[in-house]
Amino acid sequence: MQLITLLFALLVSFCVFAQDPPGELLVPVADQELTIVRHPAQGTHLAIWLMPGLGEPTRMLETAAKISGLGVEVWLVDLAESLLLIKGPQTMRTIDGKYVSGLIAAAHARTGKTITMIGRGYSAIPTLRGIQHWQQAQQNSGEAATYLSGAILFSPELYATVPALGLEPVYEPIVDATNVPIILYQAEKGGNRWQLGKLLSRLEKGGATVYVQVMPGVTGLFYDDDESPATLNALKRVPAQIVRGLDLLDKTPTPGHALPLADKVAALTSGLDSELTAFHGNPSPPPIDLVDAKGQYLSRDDYRGKVTLVNFWATWCGPCVEEIPSLNNLREQMAGESFELISVNYAEGTEQVQKFMGQVKVDFPVLLDEDGTESAKWNVLVFPSTFVIGPNGQIVYGVNGAIHWDAPEVVNQLRALLTP
């Protein structure tokens, strides 16, 4: 009898605590079937994680497995892949909210669990758009469903386009139509760190309660090449933080009504450049006072009397690295002329930059903007970003992205600035 009782207890224990292994689900939504990577769990919460579709998903998959191990079911979905779309930021900007909305409803119908959305980078756009679509669908049906608790966003990219250098970003309309609670994790050394205040103002204006945590020392939490101790430690903490965050979202009131979603912003050209482009921002350049990778100070507050090129870059930025040889060549071609090349590395330490310079030939000084505040003063949003200052001390050209700086037409344009 004792043996039977023990076996029964073990069977009950197995049924309660054992979890199905991770696997794929096909979930019919609207006119498509979405492929879901499911990490099951026995708890009452389910997180739907929209993958941005770019880069390796290794860290996201590992984090999802750990969250599942803490009792929260996770569904990961690559919308671009499921919908047979080209992967990239523009696709994230154009995906219809009905797919995420339908997935939210399907996940709850299947499991009965409280749903929380997770987005990273540009996948924050369909995340919020899907939530607003779900709210509108509930409103139209006369239901008052309360099973959606809000969203968790990692370093969200919510721009309608990359703005021309020097101009303020234009946000997707969904930013102003979001009123659900949000937990926002921002990488301290991420390229969009210093735009965070502007984004928060827009979200809070619409009524969203936003809890913010800046992750010190982190460049890209889910970027495999960011192996800094700060990032690896943050990765270890994030699963438990997300689980605790779900309780916080549960306790935060979620509006039952949808805010109106404005029409999509008029078609905007990308601010990424392939040539020298006339600068339309504030033409007065900020002063510079920084230390370079060799410990030498450089200070500039008067740029008159020469052509000055100020280039913001980072070692993790592929296009930045690709344009270094052409910058080396440009500096050589302009030797003996009234020309100066100032390079500013974004949010990396001396050791990291010196190691890079030991592997890649860099023939110009590299100033260290270790906390990113110098880049913020220049309103830099993407990397590389380069400002060309004329002999009158005013910014003449701005370049978002990498170009061939040693191309004859570029060199001629720079020399033309020196001609009276």
Protein backbone atom coordinates (compact mmCIF):
# COMPACT_ATOMS: atom_id res chain seq x y z
CA MET A 1 0.00 0.00 0.00
CA GLN A 2 2.84 2.40 0.86
CA LEU A 3 4.50 1.60 -2.49
CA ILE A 4 1.27 2.37 -4.37
CA THR A 5 0.89 5.64 -2.46
CA LEU A 6 4.51 6.60 -3.24
CA LEU A 7 4.09 5.81 -6.93
CA PHE A 8 0.88 7.85 -7.05
CA ALA A 9 2.62 10.79 -5.37
CA LEU A 10 5.47 10.62 -7.86
CA LEU A 11 3.02 10.51 -10.75
CA VAL A 12 1.16 13.57 -9.46
CA SER A 13 4.46 15.38 -8.93
CA PHE A 14 5.51 14.60 -12.49
CA CYS A 15 2.21 15.82 -13.91
CA VAL A 16 2.42 19.09 -11.97
CA PHE A 17 6.06 19.98 -12.47
CA ALA A 18 7.18 18.30 -15.68
CA GLN A 19 7.20 20.56 -18.73
CA ASP A 20 6.95 19.72 -22.37
CA PRO A 21 10.24 20.30 -24.17
CA PRO A 22 10.57 23.39 -26.39
CA GLY A 23 9.01 22.90 -29.77
CA GLU A 24 7.30 24.57 -32.71
CA LEU A 25 3.64 25.50 -33.03
CA LEU A 26 1.75 26.62 -36.11
CA VAL A 27 -0.84 29.17 -35.02
CA PRO A 28 -3.48 30.33 -37.54
CA VAL A 29 -3.75 34.12 -37.39
CA ALA A 30 -5.74 36.24 -39.84
CA ASP A 31 -4.84 34.90 -43.29
CA GLN A 32 -1.55 33.26 -42.27
CA GLU A 33 -0.03 30.56 -40.10
CA LEU A 34 2.63 31.88 -37.76
CA THR A 35 5.48 29.62 -36.71
CA ILE A 36 6.06 29.80 -32.96
CA VAL A 37 9.04 28.52 -30.99
CA ARG A 38 7.33 27.56 -27.73
CA HIS A 39 9.03 27.28 -24.35
CA PRO A 40 6.24 25.85 -22.16
CA ALA A 41 5.79 26.44 -18.44
CA GLN A 42 3.16 25.70 -15.81
CA GLY A 43 2.65 29.28 -14.57
CA THR A 44 -0.18 31.70 -15.27
CA HIS A 45 1.76 34.07 -17.53
CA LEU A 46 2.71 33.80 -21.20
CA ALA A 47 5.18 36.15 -22.90
CA ILE A 48 5.01 36.59 -26.68
CA TRP A 49 8.44 37.70 -27.87
CA LEU A 50 8.67 39.26 -31.32
CA MET A 51 12.11 38.69 -32.80
CA PRO A 52 13.57 41.54 -34.89
CA GLY A 53 14.74 39.11 -37.57
CA LEU A 54 18.30 40.42 -37.75
CA GLY A 55 21.38 38.95 -36.11
CA GLU A 56 21.79 35.65 -34.34
CA PRO A 57 18.88 34.69 -32.04
CA THR A 58 21.09 32.64 -29.69
CA ARG A 59 20.85 34.91 -26.65
CA MET A 60 17.11 35.45 -27.07
CA LEU A 61 16.52 31.69 -27.25
CA GLU A 62 18.67 31.09 -24.18
CA THR A 63 16.89 33.85 -22.26
CA ALA A 64 13.49 32.48 -23.27
CA ALA A 65 14.47 29.03 -21.97
CA LYS A 66 15.52 30.52 -18.62
CA ILE A 67 12.29 32.51 -18.33
CA SER A 68 10.38 29.29 -19.00
CA GLY A 69 12.38 27.60 -16.26
CA LEU A 70 11.12 30.27 -13.87
CA GLY A 71 7.50 29.38 -14.62
CA VAL A 72 6.59 31.75 -17.47
CA GLU A 73 5.68 30.30 -20.86
CA VAL A 74 7.39 32.02 -23.80
CA TRP A 75 6.37 32.08 -27.45
CA LEU A 76 9.01 33.42 -29.83
CA VAL A 77 7.97 34.44 -33.32
CA ASP A 78 9.88 35.84 -36.29
CA LEU A 79 7.08 37.66 -38.10
CA ALA A 80 9.14 38.45 -41.19
CA GLU A 81 10.03 34.79 -41.62
CA SER A 82 6.48 33.54 -41.02
CA LEU A 83 5.04 36.09 -43.46
CA LEU A 84 7.79 35.47 -46.06
CA LEU A 85 8.98 39.06 -45.93
CA ILE A 86 12.47 40.52 -46.31
CA LYS A 87 14.04 40.87 -42.89
CA GLY A 88 14.97 44.37 -41.80
CA PRO A 89 13.78 47.57 -40.11
CA GLN A 90 11.51 48.58 -42.99
CA THR A 91 9.58 45.31 -42.73
CA MET A 92 9.08 45.87 -39.00
CA ARG A 93 7.63 49.29 -39.86
CA THR A 94 5.10 47.88 -42.32
CA ILE A 95 3.72 44.71 -40.67
CA ASP A 96 -0.03 44.97 -40.08
CA GLY A 97 -1.07 44.99 -36.42
CA LYS A 98 -3.67 42.29 -37.06
CA TYR A 99 -1.05 39.54 -36.87
CA VAL A 100 0.18 40.40 -33.39
CA SER A 101 -3.37 41.19 -32.28
CA GLY A 102 -4.56 37.81 -33.49
CA LEU A 103 -1.61 36.07 -31.86
CA ILE A 104 -2.42 37.69 -28.51
CA ALA A 105 -6.00 36.43 -28.72
CA ALA A 106 -4.94 32.96 -29.93
CA ALA A 107 -2.37 32.57 -27.15
CA HIS A 108 -4.93 33.38 -24.47
CA ALA A 109 -7.60 31.18 -26.05
CA ARG A 110 -5.17 28.26 -26.15
CA THR A 111 -3.72 28.64 -22.64
CA GLY A 112 -6.02 30.88 -20.59
CA LYS A 113 -2.93 32.77 -19.41
CA THR A 114 -2.19 36.45 -18.91
CA ILE A 115 -0.34 37.73 -21.98
CA THR A 116 2.63 40.11 -22.03
CA MET A 117 4.37 41.26 -25.20
CA ILE A 118 8.16 41.53 -25.53
CA GLY A 119 9.91 43.47 -28.28
CA ARG A 120 13.51 44.37 -29.04
CA GLY A 121 14.89 47.07 -31.31
CA TYR A 122 12.68 47.59 -34.35
CA SER A 123 10.32 44.75 -33.37
CA ALA A 124 8.96 47.21 -30.79
CA ILE A 125 6.98 48.76 -33.67
CA PRO A 126 4.80 45.72 -34.51
CA THR A 127 4.67 44.92 -30.78
CA LEU A 128 2.95 48.21 -29.91
CA ARG A 129 0.96 48.31 -33.13
CA GLY A 130 -0.40 44.83 -32.41
CA ILE A 131 -1.38 45.82 -28.88
CA GLN A 132 -3.31 48.86 -30.15
CA HIS A 133 -5.03 46.68 -32.78
CA TRP A 134 -6.01 44.17 -30.07
CA GLN A 135 -7.39 46.98 -27.89
CA GLN A 136 -9.42 48.29 -30.82
CA ALA A 137 -10.77 44.81 -31.61
CA GLN A 138 -11.86 44.36 -28.00
CA GLN A 139 -13.49 47.77 -28.02
CA ASN A 140 -15.33 47.08 -31.28
CA SER A 141 -16.65 43.76 -29.98
CA GLY A 142 -17.92 45.31 -26.76
CA GLU A 143 -15.72 43.01 -24.68
CA ALA A 144 -13.69 44.15 -21.70
CA ALA A 145 -10.91 41.58 -21.79
CA THR A 146 -8.18 42.12 -19.21
CA TYR A 147 -5.76 39.33 -20.08
CA LEU A 148 -3.13 41.61 -21.71
CA SER A 149 -0.86 43.14 -19.08
CA GLY A 150 1.41 45.34 -21.22
CA ALA A 151 4.81 45.20 -22.91
CA ILE A 152 8.49 44.78 -22.13
CA LEU A 153 10.78 46.55 -24.60
CA PHE A 154 14.55 46.29 -24.97
CA SER A 155 16.25 49.40 -26.45
CA PRO A 156 13.26 50.07 -28.73
CA GLU A 157 13.79 51.64 -32.15
CA LEU A 158 10.53 53.42 -32.91
CA TYR A 159 11.63 55.79 -35.66
CA ALA A 160 9.63 56.12 -38.86
CA THR A 161 12.94 56.62 -40.65
CA VAL A 162 16.54 57.48 -39.90
CA PRO A 163 16.55 61.30 -39.83
CA ALA A 164 19.02 63.34 -41.81
CA LEU A 165 22.04 64.19 -39.70
CA GLY A 166 21.30 67.08 -37.37
CA LEU A 167 17.51 66.73 -37.50
CA GLU A 168 15.21 65.34 -34.83
CA PRO A 169 13.86 61.80 -35.30
CA VAL A 170 10.34 61.26 -36.63
CA TYR A 171 8.53 58.60 -34.62
CA GLU A 172 6.04 56.03 -35.84
CA PRO A 173 2.42 57.10 -35.12
CA ILE A 174 2.02 54.10 -32.80
CA VAL A 175 4.19 55.90 -30.22
CA ASP A 176 1.40 58.44 -29.69
CA ALA A 177 -1.28 55.72 -29.72
CA THR A 178 0.22 53.62 -26.92
CA ASN A 179 -1.33 53.73 -23.45
CA VAL A 180 -0.53 50.31 -21.96
CA PRO A 181 2.06 49.84 -19.19
CA ILE A 182 5.61 49.33 -20.44
CA ILE A 183 8.85 48.16 -18.86
CA LEU A 184 11.70 49.59 -20.93
CA TYR A 185 15.25 48.27 -20.67
CA GLN A 186 17.73 50.63 -22.33
CA ALA A 187 21.33 49.68 -23.10
CA GLU A 188 23.45 52.48 -21.64
CA LYS A 189 25.93 52.33 -24.51
CA GLY A 190 23.38 51.62 -27.24
CA GLY A 191 23.31 54.07 -30.13
CA ASN A 192 19.83 55.34 -29.23
CA ARG A 193 20.56 55.90 -25.51
CA TRP A 194 20.43 59.69 -25.65
CA GLN A 195 17.13 59.75 -27.52
CA LEU A 196 15.43 57.98 -24.60
CA GLY A 197 14.11 61.16 -22.97
CA LYS A 198 12.34 62.22 -26.16
CA LEU A 199 10.73 58.81 -26.55
CA LEU A 200 9.54 58.72 -22.94
CA SER A 201 7.92 62.14 -23.31
CA ARG A 202 5.94 60.93 -26.30
CA LEU A 203 4.85 57.67 -24.67
CA GLU A 204 3.82 59.30 -21.41
CA LYS A 205 1.92 62.01 -23.27
CA GLY A 206 -0.38 59.28 -24.59
CA GLY A 207 -0.97 57.96 -21.09
CA ALA A 208 1.44 55.03 -21.00
CA THR A 209 3.01 54.22 -17.64
CA VAL A 210 6.66 53.50 -18.43
CA TYR A 211 9.11 51.89 -16.01
CA VAL A 212 12.68 52.47 -17.17
CA GLN A 213 15.88 50.63 -16.37
CA VAL A 214 19.12 51.73 -18.00
CA MET A 215 21.54 48.79 -18.19
CA PRO A 216 25.00 50.14 -17.22
CA GLY A 217 27.87 49.24 -19.52
CA VAL A 218 25.68 47.37 -22.01
CA THR A 219 25.93 48.04 -25.75
CA GLY A 220 23.77 45.24 -27.16
CA LEU A 221 22.24 42.84 -24.65
CA PHE A 222 21.35 40.23 -27.27
CA TYR A 223 24.28 41.00 -29.59
CA ASP A 224 26.64 38.01 -29.49
CA ASP A 225 29.75 40.14 -30.04
CA ASP A 226 29.08 42.25 -26.94
CA GLU A 227 30.95 40.13 -24.43
CA SER A 228 31.69 42.83 -21.89
CA PRO A 229 31.36 41.73 -18.25
CA ALA A 230 28.54 44.26 -17.80
CA THR A 231 26.54 42.72 -20.64
CA LEU A 232 27.13 39.11 -19.60
CA ASN A 233 26.11 39.94 -16.03
CA ALA A 234 23.00 41.73 -17.27
CA LEU A 235 22.08 38.67 -19.34
CA LYS A 236 22.20 36.53 -16.22
CA ARG A 237 19.88 38.89 -14.35
CA VAL A 238 17.34 39.57 -17.09
CA PRO A 239 15.23 36.37 -16.88
CA ALA A 240 14.43 36.90 -13.19
CA GLN A 241 13.90 40.62 -13.79
CA ILE A 242 11.38 39.88 -16.53
CA VAL A 243 9.47 37.50 -14.27
CA ARG A 244 9.34 40.12 -11.51
CA GLY A 245 8.35 42.70 -14.10
CA LEU A 246 5.28 40.67 -15.03
CA ASP A 247 3.97 41.11 -11.49
CA LEU A 248 4.61 44.85 -11.74
CA LEU A 249 2.67 45.07 -15.01
CA ASP A 250 -0.18 43.06 -13.45
CA LYS A 251 -0.47 45.66 -10.69
CA THR A 252 -0.42 48.61 -13.09
CA PRO A 253 -3.83 49.65 -14.47
CA THR A 254 -4.19 48.91 -18.18
CA PRO A 255 -6.61 51.20 -20.04
CA GLY A 256 -9.49 49.33 -21.64
CA HIS A 257 -9.77 51.71 -24.58
CA ALA A 258 -7.62 52.10 -27.66
CA LEU A 259 -6.13 55.45 -28.57
CA PRO A 260 -6.71 56.51 -32.18
CA LEU A 261 -3.86 55.57 -34.50
CA ALA A 262 -2.96 58.34 -36.91
CA ASP A 263 -2.34 57.59 -40.55
CA LYS A 264 1.17 56.47 -41.32
CA VAL A 265 3.56 59.36 -41.70
CA ALA A 266 4.07 60.54 -45.24
CA ALA A 267 6.72 58.63 -47.13
CA LEU A 268 10.09 59.76 -45.86
CA THR A 269 13.42 59.30 -47.51
CA SER A 270 16.00 57.56 -45.39
CA GLY A 271 18.58 59.77 -43.76
CA LEU A 272 21.36 57.35 -44.74
CA ASP A 273 23.68 59.00 -47.23
CA SER A 274 25.93 57.81 -50.04
CA GLU A 275 27.61 61.17 -50.64
CA LEU A 276 28.28 64.52 -49.00
CA THR A 277 24.88 65.97 -48.11
CA ALA A 278 23.97 69.56 -47.29
CA PHE A 279 23.51 69.96 -43.54
CA HIS A 280 20.11 71.25 -42.37
CA GLY A 281 20.52 71.19 -38.59
CA ASN A 282 22.04 73.79 -36.29
CA PRO A 283 25.19 74.82 -38.20
CA SER A 284 27.15 75.82 -35.09
CA PRO A 285 29.29 72.86 -33.99
CA PRO A 286 29.62 72.13 -30.26
CA PRO A 287 33.08 72.42 -28.68
CA ILE A 288 35.10 69.25 -28.16
CA ASP A 289 37.24 68.51 -25.11
CA LEU A 290 38.21 64.83 -24.92
CA VAL A 291 41.14 62.48 -24.36
CA ASP A 292 42.28 60.23 -27.18
CA ALA A 293 43.16 56.53 -27.03
CA LYS A 294 46.80 57.42 -26.33
CA GLY A 295 45.97 59.68 -23.39
CA GLN A 296 46.43 63.00 -25.24
CA TYR A 297 43.91 65.81 -24.73
CA LEU A 298 42.29 67.52 -27.68
CA SER A 299 40.18 70.64 -27.27
CA ARG A 300 38.39 72.58 -30.01
CA ASP A 301 35.97 75.46 -29.57
CA ASP A 302 36.88 77.47 -32.67
CA TYR A 303 36.85 75.59 -35.97
CA ARG A 304 37.54 78.56 -38.23
CA GLY A 305 40.38 78.73 -40.73
CA LYS A 306 40.32 75.15 -42.01
CA VAL A 307 38.09 72.28 -43.07
CA THR A 308 37.38 70.00 -40.13
CA LEU A 309 35.86 66.55 -40.46
CA VAL A 310 34.35 65.15 -37.22
CA ASN A 311 33.59 61.43 -37.50
CA PHE A 312 31.59 59.51 -34.85
CA TRP A 313 32.01 55.74 -34.93
CA ALA A 314 32.30 52.51 -32.90
CA THR A 315 34.34 49.34 -33.25
CA TRP A 316 31.17 47.17 -33.27
CA CYS A 317 29.78 49.11 -36.24
CA GLY A 318 30.59 47.29 -39.49
CA PRO A 319 30.16 50.28 -41.84
CA CYS A 320 32.31 52.39 -39.50
CA VAL A 321 35.15 49.92 -39.78
CA GLU A 322 34.74 49.61 -43.55
CA GLU A 323 35.24 53.34 -44.12
CA ILE A 324 38.42 53.65 -42.02
CA PRO A 325 40.81 52.91 -44.94
CA SER A 326 39.19 55.67 -47.01
CA LEU A 327 39.52 58.09 -44.09
CA ASN A 328 43.20 57.14 -43.83
CA ASN A 329 43.60 57.88 -47.54
CA LEU A 330 41.70 61.17 -47.28
CA ARG A 331 43.95 62.38 -44.48
CA GLU A 332 47.00 61.47 -46.54
CA GLN A 333 45.66 63.25 -49.63
CA MET A 334 44.85 66.39 -47.62
CA ALA A 335 48.25 66.48 -45.88
CA GLY A 336 49.78 69.96 -46.02
CA GLU A 337 46.39 71.62 -46.53
CA SER A 338 44.19 73.38 -43.98
CA PHE A 339 42.39 70.20 -43.01
CA GLU A 340 41.83 68.28 -39.78
CA LEU A 341 40.24 64.89 -39.18
CA ILE A 342 38.79 64.39 -35.69
CA SER A 343 37.54 60.91 -34.88
CA VAL A 344 35.27 60.28 -31.87
CA ASN A 345 34.68 56.73 -30.67
CA TYR A 346 31.26 56.15 -29.14
CA ALA A 347 30.95 54.72 -25.62
CA GLU A 348 33.89 52.32 -25.58
CA GLY A 349 36.83 52.13 -23.20
CA THR A 350 40.51 52.81 -23.79
CA GLU A 351 41.52 49.15 -23.67
CA GLN A 352 38.87 48.11 -26.18
CA VAL A 353 39.77 50.87 -28.64
CA GLN A 354 43.51 50.26 -28.29
CA LYS A 355 42.99 46.56 -28.96
CA PHE A 356 41.03 47.43 -32.10
CA MET A 357 43.72 49.87 -33.27
CA GLY A 358 46.26 47.09 -32.86
CA GLN A 359 44.30 45.04 -35.40
CA VAL A 360 43.07 47.72 -37.81
CA LYS A 361 45.26 50.49 -39.21
CA VAL A 362 43.93 53.86 -38.02
CA ASP A 363 46.08 56.82 -39.12
CA PHE A 364 44.24 59.51 -37.18
CA PRO A 365 43.64 60.31 -33.51
CA VAL A 366 40.68 58.56 -31.89
CA LEU A 367 39.00 60.57 -29.13
CA LEU A 368 37.09 58.66 -26.46
CA ASP A 369 33.46 59.54 -25.76
CA GLU A 370 33.20 56.89 -23.06
CA ASP A 371 29.76 57.81 -21.73
CA GLY A 372 28.24 58.88 -25.06
CA THR A 373 27.49 62.44 -23.96
CA GLU A 374 29.67 64.01 -26.66
CA SER A 375 27.69 62.18 -29.34
CA ALA A 376 24.49 63.36 -27.65
CA LYS A 377 25.65 67.00 -27.91
CA TRP A 378 26.02 66.56 -31.67
CA ASN A 379 22.63 64.77 -31.82
CA VAL A 380 24.16 61.66 -33.36
CA LEU A 381 21.66 58.84 -33.83
CA VAL A 382 23.37 56.32 -36.13
CA PHE A 383 26.95 55.30 -36.75
CA PRO A 384 29.02 56.35 -38.53
CA SER A 385 27.95 59.99 -38.55
CA THR A 386 30.29 62.62 -39.96
CA PHE A 387 30.15 66.41 -39.88
CA VAL A 388 32.12 68.59 -42.31
CA ILE A 389 32.88 72.05 -40.93
CA GLY A 390 33.95 74.79 -43.32
CA PRO A 391 36.62 77.46 -42.77
CA ASN A 392 33.91 79.82 -41.48
CA GLY A 393 33.44 77.50 -38.49
CA GLN A 394 29.97 76.34 -39.57
CA ILE A 395 28.80 72.82 -40.45
CA VAL A 396 28.39 72.56 -44.22
CA TYR A 397 27.84 68.86 -44.85
CA GLY A 398 26.53 65.96 -42.80
CA VAL A 399 26.84 62.28 -43.65
CA ASN A 400 24.78 59.52 -42.02
CA GLY A 401 26.47 56.24 -42.87
CA ALA A 402 29.71 55.23 -44.53
CA ILE A 403 30.97 56.67 -47.81
CA HIS A 404 34.22 56.50 -49.77
CA TRP A 405 35.99 59.52 -48.34
CA ASP A 406 38.90 59.19 -50.76
CA ALA A 407 36.67 59.28 -53.86
CA PRO A 408 37.82 62.11 -56.19
CA GLU A 409 34.45 63.89 -56.09
CA VAL A 410 34.47 63.93 -52.28
CA VAL A 411 38.06 65.19 -52.07
CA ASN A 412 37.27 67.89 -54.64
CA GLN A 413 34.22 69.03 -52.64
CA LEU A 414 36.32 69.33 -49.49
CA ARG A 415 39.06 71.25 -51.29
CA ALA A 416 36.46 73.56 -52.82
CA LEU A 417 35.60 74.70 -49.30
CA LEU A 418 39.16 75.99 -48.95
CA THR A 419 38.88 78.10 -52.10
CA PRO A 420 38.14 81.78 -51.28
